[in-house]
Amino acid sequence: MTADVHDLVVVGAGPAGLAAALAARAHGLDVVVVDEQPQPGGQIFRRPAGGLAAAGHRWPAGYPWGPDLLARATASDVAWRPRTTALGVLRGEAGTPLRLAVSGPGGPDALATHRLLVATGAYDMPVALPGWTLPGVVTAGAAQGLLKSQRVLVGHRPVLVGAHPLLLLVADQLVAAGAHVAEVVLARGVPGPAEAVRALPAAPGHVGLLTASAAAVGRLLRAGVRIRTRTLPTRVLGEDRVEGVELRRVDSAWRPVGPARTVAADAVVLGFGFHASTELARQAGCVTRWDGAGGGWVVTHDGEQRTSVPDVLVAGEPAGVRGADQARAEGHLAGLVAARDLGAAVTVRDLDRAHRAVARARRFSDVVQRVFSPDLAGLTALATPGTLVCRCESVTRATVERTLAANPHVSTANAVKLECRTGMGTCQGRYCEATVGALVARGTGRPMDQVGPFTAHLPVKPVPLAELAALGELAAALGELAAAPSDAVPGPAPSGPAPSVPAPLAPVPLTHPT
């Protein structure tokens, strides 16, 4: 156990976490940053492993501040905990600092801190459709992560399907790396003149990013890559692995209206958007709300990144999936607020500047959210009765719907979880929470904010049993308990997860739109 009580512990070394750590350290705070990756930067600034660095690295276009942020972070005397997973928050007697339970190269530990910043990023939005469990089906973040860090292509002839503009950038990166992208398929249509006019206020300050996106589309077209709009995948084809994908035209509500066509492929990349990674915040007791356009269940805050839990702050995607610019701005603000709350001399001028930076970034992110908001009902309808919606526990859509039919009193995602074990496997609901919630909403007629999320328990990530036992002994010695989870909507009392043998999962790393 680490004996010292830190001023600020930051979970996540992406733009939000790095900006917060630098701002807080500049005002004299003792800062520790915990991150699962070996290098800081998050998904957006992920770099090749050491042995591959000679192959060259290109920084993401549109974020000129990225290299400087990483250089300053690396040169700072912030304490780093790489390759370390945050497992949950422990609470002791009233008035004592919280402790963050972690698992890293040195084994389990509990970091005591006066303030905790949750900057855990986001992960790719899972979409359950027939064939999505076949080897060769990956998310856009996984395809991008493998290419950035390992120089590995997900396939030689991939089809990219989704609804988020990141998909076009990933396709461009795959083509540049030698892949023959068969097709890029987007669920929505081309933005019309009215949408373009409404988006104009977002352009200032983001011309570089918009230019880079337009250039990527131009390169794809010159390379002969077909870009289809108003089209969705309805089935992934193959026996032992991906052999192709079935596509259909859709209407404005994302309902199939045209005949099916098939495209041969050896990989299918899904990129429908992102879900905020809020499990740690929820386990810590932070109140959340449903924001379908902003990443599902997101953490509420007071405008200065303070959550409903007095010593926990949030920045970046857990507060709403809004991109790297806003994540960085929110992180900087959170670092200043934490410093001021702990007695550091933070000027009003610095705080005003930080607030204005968040507001500027929000003008752009609001447009992206509005234009590219996923249609959850349309995506949920892609699953047939036999489609697995919970891969870890092998629960199909039919099982969820039978559970609802047999239990008319069941009206929350948590209640379905208790009845048929969906969300109790290794991923702890990251793959199925939104789909199950949408099925409950559809079956009961309740809105998603009343259906609620799954309760998040410690550990929020998988951990070896020996380390979990060691943490239990540590918590007992400290007289501390796991923080009581808090959901946006109260649900039935949860039971602990039972042992299971999970189905193989395509990788879904923490991601940040580029």
Protein backbone atom coordinates (compact mmCIF):
# COMPACT_ATOMS: atom_id res chain seq x y z
CA MET A 1 0.00 0.00 0.00
CA THR A 2 1.22 3.49 -0.87
CA ALA A 3 1.40 5.39 2.42
CA ASP A 4 1.35 8.95 1.04
CA VAL A 5 -1.88 10.85 0.47
CA HIS A 6 -1.67 12.47 -2.96
CA ASP A 7 -3.34 15.74 -3.85
CA LEU A 8 -4.70 14.47 -7.17
CA VAL A 9 -4.86 11.06 -8.81
CA VAL A 10 -5.80 11.12 -12.50
CA VAL A 11 -7.13 7.99 -14.21
CA GLY A 12 -6.39 8.19 -17.93
CA ALA A 13 -3.40 9.61 -19.81
CA GLY A 14 -5.27 10.89 -22.85
CA PRO A 15 -5.69 14.60 -23.69
CA ALA A 16 -8.00 15.23 -20.72
CA GLY A 17 -5.84 13.46 -18.16
CA LEU A 18 -2.57 14.95 -19.39
CA ALA A 19 -3.93 18.51 -19.52
CA ALA A 20 -5.35 18.14 -16.00
CA ALA A 21 -2.13 16.71 -14.60
CA LEU A 22 -0.01 19.52 -16.07
CA ALA A 23 -2.37 22.26 -14.86
CA ALA A 24 -2.52 20.84 -11.34
CA ARG A 25 1.22 20.21 -11.13
CA ALA A 26 1.96 23.74 -12.32
CA HIS A 27 0.11 24.96 -9.22
CA GLY A 28 2.11 22.80 -6.86
CA LEU A 29 -0.12 19.75 -6.47
CA ASP A 30 1.29 16.26 -5.96
CA VAL A 31 -0.14 14.45 -9.01
CA VAL A 32 -0.21 10.77 -9.98
CA VAL A 33 -1.47 9.59 -13.40
CA VAL A 34 -2.71 6.01 -13.78
CA ASP A 35 -3.07 4.53 -17.27
CA GLU A 36 -3.29 1.05 -18.77
CA GLN A 37 -1.00 1.80 -21.71
CA PRO A 38 2.81 1.82 -21.59
CA GLN A 39 2.98 5.35 -23.00
CA PRO A 40 0.84 8.45 -22.37
CA GLY A 41 -1.34 9.91 -25.09
CA GLY A 42 -4.48 7.81 -25.10
CA GLN A 43 -5.88 6.25 -28.23
CA ILE A 44 -5.63 9.40 -30.31
CA PHE A 45 -1.89 9.84 -29.74
CA ARG A 46 -0.99 6.17 -29.50
CA ARG A 47 2.48 5.48 -30.86
CA PRO A 48 4.23 2.36 -32.10
CA ALA A 49 5.87 0.03 -29.63
CA GLY A 50 9.59 0.72 -29.11
CA GLY A 51 10.84 -1.86 -31.60
CA LEU A 52 8.60 -0.44 -34.33
CA ALA A 53 9.33 3.24 -33.85
CA ALA A 54 11.84 3.24 -36.71
CA ALA A 55 9.00 2.58 -39.14
CA GLY A 56 7.95 6.21 -38.69
CA HIS A 57 5.04 7.82 -36.92
CA ARG A 58 2.55 10.41 -38.14
CA TRP A 59 0.75 12.57 -35.62
CA PRO A 60 -3.01 12.81 -36.18
CA ALA A 61 -3.90 15.69 -38.46
CA GLY A 62 -6.01 18.47 -37.00
CA TYR A 63 -4.48 18.41 -33.50
CA PRO A 64 -1.29 20.50 -33.72
CA TRP A 65 -1.15 20.80 -29.94
CA GLY A 66 -0.70 17.05 -29.48
CA PRO A 67 3.11 16.71 -29.73
CA ASP A 68 3.65 19.66 -27.40
CA LEU A 69 1.20 18.28 -24.82
CA LEU A 70 2.99 14.94 -24.80
CA ALA A 71 6.43 16.55 -24.69
CA ARG A 72 5.49 18.70 -21.70
CA ALA A 73 3.90 15.75 -19.93
CA THR A 74 6.95 13.57 -20.48
CA ALA A 75 9.29 16.29 -19.22
CA SER A 76 7.21 17.08 -16.15
CA ASP A 77 7.74 15.62 -12.69
CA VAL A 78 4.22 14.21 -12.56
CA ALA A 79 4.30 10.68 -11.13
CA TRP A 80 3.33 8.10 -13.77
CA ARG A 81 1.76 4.69 -13.23
CA PRO A 82 1.80 3.08 -16.72
CA ARG A 83 0.47 -0.41 -17.43
CA THR A 84 -1.78 0.06 -14.42
CA THR A 85 -5.52 -0.59 -14.28
CA ALA A 86 -7.89 1.30 -12.00
CA LEU A 87 -10.18 -1.23 -10.33
CA GLY A 88 -12.42 0.89 -8.14
CA VAL A 89 -12.77 3.35 -5.29
CA LEU A 90 -12.47 2.39 -1.62
CA ARG A 91 -13.99 4.49 1.14
CA GLY A 92 -12.98 4.62 4.79
CA GLU A 93 -14.41 6.55 7.72
CA ALA A 94 -16.00 9.93 7.09
CA GLY A 95 -13.42 12.62 6.52
CA THR A 96 -10.66 10.28 5.35
CA PRO A 97 -9.28 10.45 1.80
CA LEU A 98 -10.66 8.01 -0.74
CA ARG A 99 -8.38 5.30 -2.08
CA LEU A 100 -8.14 4.19 -5.69
CA ALA A 101 -7.60 0.44 -5.98
CA VAL A 102 -5.21 -0.34 -8.84
CA SER A 103 -3.44 -3.31 -10.36
CA GLY A 104 -0.08 -2.81 -12.04
CA PRO A 105 3.40 -4.28 -12.58
CA GLY A 106 4.07 -4.04 -8.85
CA GLY A 107 0.86 -5.85 -7.93
CA PRO A 108 -2.23 -4.43 -6.28
CA ASP A 109 -2.16 -1.09 -4.51
CA ALA A 110 -4.50 1.52 -3.06
CA LEU A 111 -3.63 5.16 -3.79
CA ALA A 112 -4.94 7.59 -1.20
CA THR A 113 -5.89 10.97 -2.63
CA HIS A 114 -7.68 14.20 -1.77
CA ARG A 115 -9.09 14.46 -5.31
CA LEU A 116 -9.72 11.87 -8.02
CA LEU A 117 -10.13 12.83 -11.67
CA VAL A 118 -11.89 10.32 -13.90
CA ALA A 119 -10.61 10.84 -17.46
CA THR A 120 -11.12 7.29 -18.67
CA GLY A 121 -12.03 8.07 -22.27
CA ALA A 122 -14.50 6.08 -24.31
CA TYR A 123 -14.80 2.81 -26.18
CA ASP A 124 -16.33 1.91 -29.51
CA MET A 125 -20.10 1.56 -29.53
CA PRO A 126 -20.88 -2.16 -29.92
CA VAL A 127 -23.61 -3.10 -32.40
CA ALA A 128 -25.10 -6.60 -32.27
CA LEU A 129 -26.03 -8.02 -35.67
CA PRO A 130 -25.98 -11.53 -37.12
CA GLY A 131 -22.37 -12.66 -37.55
CA TRP A 132 -20.78 -9.96 -35.42
CA THR A 133 -18.96 -12.55 -33.28
CA LEU A 134 -17.04 -13.98 -36.24
CA PRO A 135 -13.25 -13.59 -36.19
CA GLY A 136 -12.45 -10.61 -38.40
CA VAL A 137 -15.16 -8.34 -37.04
CA VAL A 138 -13.47 -5.50 -35.15
CA THR A 139 -14.27 -1.97 -34.10
CA ALA A 140 -12.82 1.14 -35.68
CA GLY A 141 -10.78 1.80 -32.55
CA ALA A 142 -9.35 -1.71 -32.61
CA ALA A 143 -8.40 -1.41 -36.29
CA GLN A 144 -6.78 1.95 -35.65
CA GLY A 145 -5.05 0.81 -32.46
CA LEU A 146 -3.51 -2.25 -34.11
CA LEU A 147 -2.24 -0.12 -36.98
CA LYS A 148 -0.83 2.65 -34.77
CA SER A 149 0.85 0.53 -32.13
CA GLN A 150 1.73 -2.71 -33.96
CA ARG A 151 1.67 -1.86 -37.70
CA VAL A 152 -0.87 -4.66 -38.14
CA LEU A 153 -3.70 -4.60 -40.66
CA VAL A 154 -7.03 -6.08 -39.56
CA GLY A 155 -7.47 -7.46 -43.06
CA HIS A 156 -6.29 -7.06 -46.63
CA ARG A 157 -9.80 -6.39 -47.98
CA PRO A 158 -11.87 -4.82 -45.21
CA VAL A 159 -15.30 -3.25 -45.43
CA LEU A 160 -15.88 -0.37 -43.04
CA VAL A 161 -19.46 0.20 -41.88
CA GLY A 162 -20.84 2.71 -39.42
CA ALA A 163 -22.03 6.24 -38.83
CA HIS A 164 -19.14 8.22 -37.36
CA PRO A 165 -16.69 10.38 -39.36
CA LEU A 166 -13.79 8.56 -37.69
CA LEU A 167 -14.56 5.71 -40.05
CA LEU A 168 -13.34 7.73 -43.03
CA LEU A 169 -10.06 8.57 -41.30
CA VAL A 170 -9.52 4.93 -40.34
CA ALA A 171 -10.20 3.87 -43.94
CA ASP A 172 -7.65 6.41 -45.15
CA GLN A 173 -5.06 5.08 -42.68
CA LEU A 174 -5.72 1.48 -43.75
CA VAL A 175 -5.33 2.36 -47.44
CA ALA A 176 -2.07 4.20 -46.71
CA ALA A 177 -0.82 1.07 -44.91
CA GLY A 178 -1.55 -1.15 -47.91
CA ALA A 179 -5.08 -2.44 -47.36
CA HIS A 180 -7.49 -2.66 -50.30
CA VAL A 181 -10.58 -1.21 -48.67
CA ALA A 182 -13.53 -2.73 -50.47
CA GLU A 183 -16.10 -0.16 -49.37
CA VAL A 184 -16.92 2.44 -46.73
CA VAL A 185 -20.58 2.36 -45.73
CA LEU A 186 -22.29 5.11 -43.72
CA ALA A 187 -25.80 4.91 -42.25
CA ARG A 188 -26.63 8.56 -42.73
CA GLY A 189 -26.82 10.60 -45.90
CA VAL A 190 -24.61 13.46 -47.05
CA PRO A 191 -25.25 16.60 -44.94
CA GLY A 192 -27.59 18.96 -46.77
CA PRO A 193 -27.27 22.74 -47.25
CA ALA A 194 -29.28 23.49 -44.09
CA GLU A 195 -27.00 21.31 -41.97
CA ALA A 196 -23.94 22.92 -43.52
CA VAL A 197 -25.22 26.40 -42.63
CA ARG A 198 -25.96 25.36 -39.04
CA ALA A 199 -22.45 23.95 -38.78
CA LEU A 200 -20.67 27.18 -39.82
CA PRO A 201 -20.25 28.55 -36.26
CA ALA A 202 -18.20 25.47 -35.42
CA ALA A 203 -15.59 26.04 -38.12
CA PRO A 204 -13.37 28.66 -36.44
CA GLY A 205 -10.49 26.94 -34.68
CA HIS A 206 -11.16 23.61 -36.39
CA VAL A 207 -10.29 24.36 -40.01
CA GLY A 208 -7.28 22.03 -39.81
CA LEU A 209 -9.38 19.10 -38.67
CA LEU A 210 -12.06 19.75 -41.31
CA THR A 211 -9.40 20.10 -44.00
CA ALA A 212 -7.76 16.83 -42.93
CA SER A 213 -11.11 15.03 -43.08
CA ALA A 214 -11.85 16.39 -46.55
CA ALA A 215 -8.37 15.39 -47.71
CA ALA A 216 -8.92 11.84 -46.39
CA VAL A 217 -12.14 11.53 -48.39
CA GLY A 218 -10.36 12.78 -51.50
CA ARG A 219 -7.57 10.22 -51.11
CA LEU A 220 -10.10 7.42 -50.66
CA LEU A 221 -11.95 8.38 -53.83
CA ARG A 222 -8.71 8.62 -55.81
CA ALA A 223 -7.76 5.16 -54.55
CA GLY A 224 -11.00 3.79 -55.96
CA VAL A 225 -12.70 3.20 -52.60
CA ARG A 226 -16.48 3.29 -52.87
CA ILE A 227 -18.26 5.38 -50.22
CA ARG A 228 -21.92 4.49 -49.79
CA THR A 229 -24.43 6.46 -47.71
CA ARG A 230 -27.81 5.56 -46.19
CA THR A 231 -26.70 1.94 -45.94
CA LEU A 232 -26.40 -0.47 -43.02
CA PRO A 233 -24.94 -3.96 -42.59
CA THR A 234 -27.64 -6.53 -41.90
CA ARG A 235 -25.45 -9.64 -41.64
CA VAL A 236 -21.78 -10.57 -41.53
CA LEU A 237 -21.15 -13.63 -43.70
CA GLY A 238 -18.75 -16.49 -43.10
CA GLU A 239 -18.25 -19.83 -41.37
CA ASP A 240 -15.01 -19.77 -39.36
CA ARG A 241 -14.20 -16.13 -40.10
CA VAL A 242 -15.43 -13.14 -42.08
CA GLU A 243 -16.00 -13.81 -45.78
CA GLY A 244 -18.27 -10.88 -46.61
CA VAL A 245 -21.03 -8.60 -45.42
CA GLU A 246 -24.66 -8.16 -46.43
CA LEU A 247 -25.72 -4.52 -46.93
CA ARG A 248 -29.08 -2.79 -47.40
CA ARG A 249 -30.20 0.73 -48.08
CA VAL A 250 -32.03 2.40 -45.17
CA ASP A 251 -34.45 5.29 -44.69
CA SER A 252 -33.97 8.30 -42.41
CA ALA A 253 -34.91 6.14 -39.39
CA TRP A 254 -32.24 3.60 -40.34
CA ARG A 255 -34.86 1.00 -41.33
CA PRO A 256 -33.88 -1.27 -44.25
CA VAL A 257 -35.86 -0.41 -47.37
CA GLY A 258 -33.83 -1.78 -50.26
CA PRO A 259 -32.77 -5.22 -51.46
CA ALA A 260 -29.75 -6.88 -49.89
CA ARG A 261 -26.41 -6.94 -51.66
CA THR A 262 -23.21 -8.73 -50.67
CA VAL A 263 -19.63 -7.43 -50.62
CA ALA A 264 -16.73 -9.86 -50.27
CA ALA A 265 -14.35 -9.01 -47.41
CA ASP A 266 -11.88 -10.60 -45.02
CA ALA A 267 -12.64 -8.11 -42.24
CA VAL A 268 -15.55 -5.92 -41.17
CA VAL A 269 -14.77 -2.74 -39.22
CA LEU A 270 -17.68 -1.32 -37.20
CA GLY A 271 -17.63 2.40 -36.42
CA PHE A 272 -21.00 3.67 -35.19
CA GLY A 273 -19.70 6.00 -32.52
CA PHE A 274 -18.55 5.77 -28.94
CA HIS A 275 -19.76 5.05 -25.44
CA ALA A 276 -18.35 6.96 -22.52
CA SER A 277 -16.30 4.80 -20.17
CA THR A 278 -18.09 5.68 -16.93
CA GLU A 279 -17.80 2.41 -14.98
CA LEU A 280 -15.23 3.77 -12.54
CA ALA A 281 -17.21 6.96 -11.94
CA ARG A 282 -20.42 5.02 -11.40
CA GLN A 283 -18.73 2.63 -8.98
CA ALA A 284 -17.41 5.68 -7.11
CA GLY A 285 -21.00 6.87 -6.66
CA CYS A 286 -21.18 9.61 -9.32
CA VAL A 287 -24.61 10.37 -10.73
CA THR A 288 -25.01 9.77 -14.46
CA ARG A 289 -27.59 10.66 -17.10
CA TRP A 290 -28.52 9.20 -20.47
CA ASP A 291 -27.27 11.15 -23.49
CA GLY A 292 -27.72 9.11 -26.65
CA ALA A 293 -25.84 11.59 -28.85
CA GLY A 294 -23.12 12.17 -26.26
CA GLY A 295 -22.03 8.61 -25.59
CA GLY A 296 -24.80 6.89 -23.63
CA TRP A 297 -24.48 7.08 -19.84
CA VAL A 298 -22.37 10.14 -19.05
CA VAL A 299 -21.32 11.66 -15.73
CA THR A 300 -23.09 14.83 -14.61
CA HIS A 301 -21.00 17.73 -13.34
CA ASP A 302 -21.39 21.32 -12.18
CA GLY A 303 -19.76 23.09 -15.14
CA GLU A 304 -16.37 23.07 -13.41
CA GLN A 305 -15.98 19.28 -13.80
CA ARG A 306 -17.00 18.46 -10.19
CA THR A 307 -19.28 15.42 -9.97
CA SER A 308 -21.99 14.63 -7.42
CA VAL A 309 -19.25 13.05 -5.27
CA PRO A 310 -17.40 15.97 -3.61
CA ASP A 311 -13.83 14.70 -4.10
CA VAL A 312 -14.29 13.24 -7.61
CA LEU A 313 -14.01 15.24 -10.83
CA VAL A 314 -14.58 14.20 -14.44
CA ALA A 315 -13.14 15.39 -17.75
CA GLY A 316 -13.21 14.29 -21.36
CA GLU A 317 -15.40 11.54 -22.75
CA PRO A 318 -16.91 10.30 -19.43
CA ALA A 319 -18.57 13.73 -19.22
CA GLY A 320 -19.86 13.30 -22.80
CA VAL A 321 -18.10 12.07 -25.94
CA ARG A 322 -17.07 15.31 -27.60
CA GLY A 323 -13.62 14.76 -29.08
CA ALA A 324 -10.03 15.49 -28.22
CA ASP A 325 -10.18 19.30 -28.32
CA GLN A 326 -12.92 19.48 -25.72
CA ALA A 327 -11.33 16.69 -23.67
CA ARG A 328 -8.11 18.69 -23.44
CA ALA A 329 -10.00 21.88 -22.52
CA GLU A 330 -12.07 20.13 -19.85
CA GLY A 331 -8.97 18.46 -18.44
CA HIS A 332 -7.15 21.78 -18.11
CA LEU A 333 -10.17 23.28 -16.35
CA ALA A 334 -10.47 20.27 -14.02
CA GLY A 335 -6.79 20.55 -13.08
CA LEU A 336 -7.20 24.23 -12.21
CA VAL A 337 -10.38 23.59 -10.22
CA ALA A 338 -8.75 20.78 -8.25
CA ALA A 339 -5.80 23.04 -7.47
CA ARG A 340 -8.03 25.91 -6.35
CA ASP A 341 -10.23 23.65 -4.23
CA LEU A 342 -7.12 22.35 -2.45
CA GLY A 343 -5.91 25.85 -1.62
CA ALA A 344 -3.58 26.71 -4.52
CA ALA A 345 -3.47 30.26 -5.85
CA VAL A 346 -5.37 29.95 -9.13
CA THR A 347 -6.22 33.29 -10.73
CA VAL A 348 -9.67 34.23 -11.91
CA ARG A 349 -8.12 35.10 -15.27
CA ASP A 350 -6.78 31.54 -15.71
CA LEU A 351 -10.15 30.04 -14.81
CA ASP A 352 -11.97 32.38 -17.21
CA ARG A 353 -9.61 31.39 -20.01
CA ALA A 354 -10.20 27.72 -19.25
CA HIS A 355 -13.98 28.18 -19.34
CA ARG A 356 -13.76 30.00 -22.67
CA ALA A 357 -11.63 27.20 -24.14
CA VAL A 358 -14.27 24.64 -23.15
CA ALA A 359 -17.00 26.81 -24.70
CA ARG A 360 -15.06 27.16 -27.98
CA ALA A 361 -14.50 23.43 -28.22
CA ARG A 362 -18.15 22.76 -27.44
CA ARG A 363 -19.33 24.74 -30.46
CA PHE A 364 -17.61 22.21 -32.70
CA SER A 365 -18.48 19.11 -30.68
CA ASP A 366 -22.16 20.09 -30.55
CA VAL A 367 -22.29 20.04 -34.34
CA VAL A 368 -20.56 16.65 -34.56
CA GLN A 369 -22.96 15.21 -31.98
CA ARG A 370 -26.02 16.58 -33.74
CA VAL A 371 -25.02 15.47 -37.24
CA PHE A 372 -23.61 12.04 -36.39
CA SER A 373 -25.82 10.93 -33.50
CA PRO A 374 -26.40 7.16 -33.76
CA ASP A 375 -29.97 5.88 -34.04
CA LEU A 376 -29.97 3.33 -31.21
CA ALA A 377 -33.41 1.96 -32.05
CA GLY A 378 -32.40 1.36 -35.67
CA LEU A 379 -29.15 -0.35 -34.65
CA THR A 380 -30.87 -2.52 -32.02
CA ALA A 381 -33.31 -3.72 -34.68
CA LEU A 382 -30.40 -5.29 -36.61
CA ALA A 383 -30.20 -8.12 -34.05
CA THR A 384 -32.36 -11.12 -34.95
CA PRO A 385 -33.87 -13.36 -32.23
CA GLY A 386 -30.86 -15.70 -32.40
CA THR A 387 -28.22 -12.95 -32.34
CA LEU A 388 -25.99 -12.88 -29.27
CA VAL A 389 -26.38 -9.55 -27.53
CA CYS A 390 -24.28 -10.56 -24.50
CA ARG A 391 -21.24 -12.38 -25.83
CA CYS A 392 -19.66 -13.17 -22.46
CA GLU A 393 -22.72 -15.06 -21.17
CA SER A 394 -24.09 -16.21 -24.57
CA VAL A 395 -27.42 -14.41 -24.12
CA THR A 396 -29.46 -13.86 -27.29
CA ARG A 397 -31.97 -11.17 -28.10
CA ALA A 398 -34.72 -13.79 -27.82
CA THR A 399 -33.64 -14.60 -24.26
CA VAL A 400 -33.88 -10.96 -23.24
CA GLU A 401 -37.30 -10.60 -24.85
CA ARG A 402 -38.56 -13.83 -23.26
CA THR A 403 -37.37 -12.52 -19.89
CA LEU A 404 -39.37 -9.34 -20.38
CA ALA A 405 -42.45 -11.25 -21.52
CA ALA A 406 -42.32 -13.66 -18.56
CA ASN A 407 -41.72 -10.90 -16.02
CA PRO A 408 -44.04 -7.95 -16.68
CA HIS A 409 -42.72 -6.20 -13.57
CA VAL A 410 -39.19 -6.05 -15.00
CA SER A 411 -38.55 -2.54 -16.27
CA THR A 412 -34.82 -1.88 -15.84
CA ALA A 413 -31.62 -3.14 -17.43
CA ASN A 414 -30.40 -4.20 -14.00
CA ALA A 415 -33.44 -6.41 -13.45
CA VAL A 416 -32.86 -8.16 -16.79
CA LYS A 417 -29.22 -8.61 -15.81
CA LEU A 418 -30.24 -10.39 -12.60
CA GLU A 419 -32.72 -12.63 -14.38
CA CYS A 420 -30.70 -13.83 -17.38
CA ARG A 421 -27.06 -12.90 -16.52
CA THR A 422 -26.50 -10.49 -19.37
CA GLY A 423 -23.72 -8.08 -18.40
CA MET A 424 -22.21 -10.40 -15.78
CA GLY A 425 -19.23 -11.60 -17.83
CA THR A 426 -15.70 -10.41 -18.38
CA CYS A 427 -16.60 -7.14 -20.10
CA GLN A 428 -19.10 -6.27 -17.32
CA GLY A 429 -21.67 -5.04 -19.80
CA ARG A 430 -19.54 -2.86 -22.04
CA TYR A 431 -20.66 -4.92 -25.05
CA CYS A 432 -24.33 -5.36 -24.17
CA GLU A 433 -25.49 -2.62 -21.80
CA ALA A 434 -26.87 -0.24 -24.43
CA THR A 435 -28.45 -3.02 -26.52
CA VAL A 436 -30.12 -4.60 -23.49
CA GLY A 437 -31.28 -1.17 -22.34
CA ALA A 438 -32.75 -0.44 -25.77
CA LEU A 439 -34.57 -3.80 -25.77
CA VAL A 440 -36.00 -3.06 -22.33
CA ALA A 441 -37.06 0.41 -23.48
CA ARG A 442 -38.69 -1.09 -26.57
CA GLY A 443 -40.44 -3.83 -24.61
CA THR A 444 -41.70 -1.66 -21.78
CA GLY A 445 -42.28 1.66 -23.51
CA ARG A 446 -39.99 3.42 -21.04
CA PRO A 447 -37.32 5.95 -22.04
CA MET A 448 -33.67 4.98 -21.64
CA ASP A 449 -33.14 7.34 -18.72
CA GLN A 450 -35.69 5.30 -16.76
CA VAL A 451 -34.36 1.93 -17.89
CA GLY A 452 -31.02 2.77 -16.28
CA PRO A 453 -27.51 1.32 -16.71
CA PHE A 454 -26.03 -1.80 -15.14
CA THR A 455 -24.63 -1.25 -11.67
CA ALA A 456 -20.85 -0.96 -11.72
CA HIS A 457 -19.01 -3.02 -9.09
CA LEU A 458 -15.42 -3.27 -7.90
CA PRO A 459 -13.43 -4.49 -9.76
CA VAL A 460 -14.60 -2.54 -12.79
CA LYS A 461 -12.01 -4.36 -14.93
CA PRO A 462 -10.88 -8.03 -14.89
CA VAL A 463 -8.14 -8.77 -12.33
CA PRO A 464 -6.41 -11.99 -11.25
CA LEU A 465 -8.10 -13.58 -8.25
CA ALA A 466 -4.88 -13.44 -6.22
CA GLU A 467 -4.73 -9.66 -6.65
CA LEU A 468 -8.42 -9.30 -5.87
CA ALA A 469 -7.90 -11.27 -2.66
CA ALA A 470 -4.93 -9.07 -1.79
CA LEU A 471 -7.04 -5.96 -2.32
CA GLY A 472 -9.72 -7.44 -0.10
CA GLU A 473 -7.20 -7.98 2.67
CA LEU A 474 -5.86 -4.46 2.16
CA ALA A 475 -9.35 -2.94 2.34
CA ALA A 476 -10.10 -4.94 5.47
CA ALA A 477 -6.88 -3.77 7.08
CA LEU A 478 -7.76 -0.19 6.25
CA GLY A 479 -11.32 -0.63 7.46
CA GLU A 480 -12.52 0.55 4.06
CA LEU A 481 -15.32 -0.58 1.76
CA ALA A 482 -15.94 -0.19 -1.93
CA ALA A 483 -17.81 3.01 -2.66
CA ALA A 484 -21.53 2.46 -3.08
CA PRO A 485 -22.35 2.48 -6.81
CA SER A 486 -24.78 5.14 -7.99
CA ASP A 487 -26.92 4.80 -11.13
CA ALA A 488 -28.99 7.42 -12.87
CA VAL A 489 -32.07 5.34 -12.06
CA PRO A 490 -32.24 3.12 -8.96
CA GLY A 491 -32.59 -0.56 -9.78
CA PRO A 492 -32.94 -3.83 -7.90
CA ALA A 493 -30.19 -4.82 -5.50
CA PRO A 494 -27.42 -6.34 -7.64
CA SER A 495 -25.84 -9.69 -7.06
CA GLY A 496 -22.15 -10.42 -7.56
CA PRO A 497 -20.98 -11.89 -10.87
CA ALA A 498 -20.75 -15.65 -11.02
CA PRO A 499 -17.87 -17.54 -12.66
CA SER A 500 -18.21 -17.81 -16.41
CA VAL A 501 -16.29 -18.80 -19.50
CA PRO A 502 -16.46 -15.78 -21.84
CA ALA A 503 -16.83 -16.02 -25.57
CA PRO A 504 -13.86 -14.64 -27.55
CA LEU A 505 -14.13 -10.90 -28.00
CA ALA A 506 -12.88 -8.67 -30.78
CA PRO A 507 -10.64 -6.06 -29.14
CA VAL A 508 -12.28 -2.79 -28.12
CA PRO A 509 -9.55 -0.53 -26.68
CA LEU A 510 -10.26 2.79 -25.06
CA THR A 511 -10.63 5.13 -27.97
CA HIS A 512 -10.63 8.79 -28.74
CA PRO A 513 -11.93 10.16 -32.08
CA THR A 514 -9.13 11.38 -34.33
